[in-house]
Amino acid sequence: MAKDPTGALREGMALGFWSLDELWVAMFGLGGNLTTSALAAIVSGSRPTTKREYELLQIALNEHLDDLGLDPSVAEWRHLPDHAA
């Protein structure tokens, strides 16, 4: 399990065989407003994500994994060891 948001998002994308563009479309469909360049910066680790941004991306990834018949395994923000409150 990833210990940070970037790692968790990357793991979810890899598990679901999703590109950055596919994640962006799904995030946008949930009401997110990140640009593709901002999303790329988050996934590359060069820009931190906010809790709200992460949660939208996490939901998008987990819905996709569920559609594939896989366990929705991208951790919620509060379950990431570096962000447990």
C-alpha atoms as a PDB file:
ATOM      1  CA  MET A   1       0.000   0.000   0.000  1.00  0.00           C
ATOM      2  CA  ALA A   2       1.262   3.436  -0.933  1.00  0.00           C
ATOM      3  CA  LYS A   3       2.152   5.808   1.875  1.00  0.00           C
ATOM      4  CA  ASP A   4       1.487   8.990  -0.045  1.00  0.00           C
ATOM      5  CA  PRO A   5      -1.173  10.318  -2.427  1.00  0.00           C
ATOM      6  CA  THR A   6       1.095  10.240  -5.477  1.00  0.00           C
ATOM      7  CA  GLY A   7       1.998   6.599  -4.949  1.00  0.00           C
ATOM      8  CA  ALA A   8      -1.612   5.611  -4.326  1.00  0.00           C
ATOM      9  CA  LEU A   9      -2.779   7.314  -7.521  1.00  0.00           C
ATOM     10  CA  ARG A  10       0.016   5.759  -9.582  1.00  0.00           C
ATOM     11  CA  GLU A  11      -0.765   2.293  -8.218  1.00  0.00           C
ATOM     12  CA  GLY A  12      -4.453   2.717  -9.054  1.00  0.00           C
ATOM     13  CA  MET A  13      -3.680   3.897 -12.576  1.00  0.00           C
ATOM     14  CA  ALA A  14      -1.336   0.966 -13.153  1.00  0.00           C
ATOM     15  CA  LEU A  15      -3.800  -1.570 -11.776  1.00  0.00           C
ATOM     16  CA  GLY A  16      -6.592  -0.233 -13.986  1.00  0.00           C
ATOM     17  CA  PHE A  17      -4.343   0.285 -17.026  1.00  0.00           C
ATOM     18  CA  TRP A  18      -5.476   3.899 -17.149  1.00  0.00           C
ATOM     19  CA  SER A  19      -3.728   6.749 -18.891  1.00  0.00           C
ATOM     20  CA  LEU A  20      -3.533  10.260 -17.544  1.00  0.00           C
ATOM     21  CA  ASP A  21      -6.156  11.375 -20.065  1.00  0.00           C
ATOM     22  CA  GLU A  22      -8.587   8.662 -18.968  1.00  0.00           C
ATOM     23  CA  LEU A  23      -8.173   9.632 -15.328  1.00  0.00           C
ATOM     24  CA  TRP A  24      -8.665  13.296 -16.234  1.00  0.00           C
ATOM     25  CA  VAL A  25     -11.950  12.578 -18.066  1.00  0.00           C
ATOM     26  CA  ALA A  26     -13.277  10.554 -15.127  1.00  0.00           C
ATOM     27  CA  MET A  27     -12.200  13.211 -12.608  1.00  0.00           C
ATOM     28  CA  PHE A  28     -13.827  15.935 -14.717  1.00  0.00           C
ATOM     29  CA  GLY A  29     -17.030  13.880 -14.854  1.00  0.00           C
ATOM     30  CA  LEU A  30     -17.103  13.882 -11.057  1.00  0.00           C
ATOM     31  CA  GLY A  31     -16.840  17.665 -10.933  1.00  0.00           C
ATOM     32  CA  GLY A  32     -13.094  18.104 -10.728  1.00  0.00           C
ATOM     33  CA  ASN A  33     -11.491  21.074 -12.411  1.00  0.00           C
ATOM     34  CA  LEU A  34      -7.812  20.217 -12.642  1.00  0.00           C
ATOM     35  CA  THR A  35      -6.105  20.916 -15.934  1.00  0.00           C
ATOM     36  CA  THR A  36      -4.330  18.021 -17.601  1.00  0.00           C
ATOM     37  CA  SER A  37      -0.999  19.649 -16.796  1.00  0.00           C
ATOM     38  CA  ALA A  38      -1.940  19.996 -13.107  1.00  0.00           C
ATOM     39  CA  LEU A  39      -3.002  16.348 -13.027  1.00  0.00           C
ATOM     40  CA  ALA A  40       0.259  15.319 -14.693  1.00  0.00           C
ATOM     41  CA  ALA A  41       2.184  17.281 -12.054  1.00  0.00           C
ATOM     42  CA  ILE A  42       0.264  15.549  -9.255  1.00  0.00           C
ATOM     43  CA  VAL A  43       0.792  12.069 -10.684  1.00  0.00           C
ATOM     44  CA  SER A  44       4.487  12.745 -11.327  1.00  0.00           C
ATOM     45  CA  GLY A  45       4.932  13.979  -7.766  1.00  0.00           C
ATOM     46  CA  SER A  46       6.113  17.441  -8.764  1.00  0.00           C
ATOM     47  CA  ARG A  47       3.014  19.083  -7.271  1.00  0.00           C
ATOM     48  CA  PRO A  48       1.262  18.101  -4.055  1.00  0.00           C
ATOM     49  CA  THR A  49      -2.439  17.361  -4.169  1.00  0.00           C
ATOM     50  CA  THR A  50      -5.094  18.725  -1.890  1.00  0.00           C
ATOM     51  CA  LYS A  51      -7.377  16.415   0.017  1.00  0.00           C
ATOM     52  CA  ARG A  52     -10.329  17.342  -2.235  1.00  0.00           C
ATOM     53  CA  GLU A  53      -8.357  16.744  -5.450  1.00  0.00           C
ATOM     54  CA  TYR A  54      -7.082  13.416  -4.164  1.00  0.00           C
ATOM     55  CA  GLU A  55     -10.524  12.259  -3.102  1.00  0.00           C
ATOM     56  CA  LEU A  56     -12.009  12.971  -6.552  1.00  0.00           C
ATOM     57  CA  LEU A  57      -9.159  11.102  -8.240  1.00  0.00           C
ATOM     58  CA  GLN A  58      -9.430   8.244  -5.744  1.00  0.00           C
ATOM     59  CA  ILE A  59     -13.164   7.895  -6.392  1.00  0.00           C
ATOM     60  CA  ALA A  60     -12.641   7.958 -10.164  1.00  0.00           C
ATOM     61  CA  LEU A  61      -9.971   5.265  -9.960  1.00  0.00           C
ATOM     62  CA  ASN A  62     -11.931   3.050  -7.579  1.00  0.00           C
ATOM     63  CA  GLU A  63     -15.056   3.268  -9.752  1.00  0.00           C
ATOM     64  CA  HIS A  64     -12.966   2.216 -12.741  1.00  0.00           C
ATOM     65  CA  LEU A  65     -11.402  -0.673 -10.842  1.00  0.00           C
ATOM     66  CA  ASP A  66     -14.874  -1.763  -9.723  1.00  0.00           C
ATOM     67  CA  ASP A  67     -16.083  -1.641 -13.343  1.00  0.00           C
ATOM     68  CA  LEU A  68     -13.214  -3.967 -14.237  1.00  0.00           C
ATOM     69  CA  GLY A  69     -14.282  -6.403 -11.525  1.00  0.00           C
ATOM     70  CA  LEU A  70     -11.287  -5.553  -9.362  1.00  0.00           C
ATOM     71  CA  ASP A  71     -11.305  -4.530  -5.736  1.00  0.00           C
ATOM     72  CA  PRO A  72     -11.429  -0.747  -5.370  1.00  0.00           C
ATOM     73  CA  SER A  73      -8.012  -0.535  -3.766  1.00  0.00           C
ATOM     74  CA  VAL A  74      -6.991   3.134  -3.923  1.00  0.00           C
ATOM     75  CA  ALA A  75      -6.955   4.168  -0.284  1.00  0.00           C
ATOM     76  CA  GLU A  76      -9.022   7.014   1.065  1.00  0.00           C
ATOM     77  CA  TRP A  77      -7.039  10.077   2.139  1.00  0.00           C
ATOM     78  CA  ARG A  78      -7.591   9.317   5.823  1.00  0.00           C
ATOM     79  CA  HIS A  79      -6.175   5.823   5.362  1.00  0.00           C
ATOM     80  CA  LEU A  80      -2.892   6.951   3.867  1.00  0.00           C
ATOM     81  CA  PRO A  81      -0.279   6.595   6.605  1.00  0.00           C
ATOM     82  CA  ASP A  82       1.134  10.055   5.927  1.00  0.00           C
ATOM     83  CA  HIS A  83      -2.319  11.644   6.237  1.00  0.00           C
ATOM     84  CA  ALA A  84      -4.019   9.698   9.002  1.00  0.00           C
ATOM     85  CA  ALA A  85      -5.713  12.014  11.404  1.00  0.00           C
END
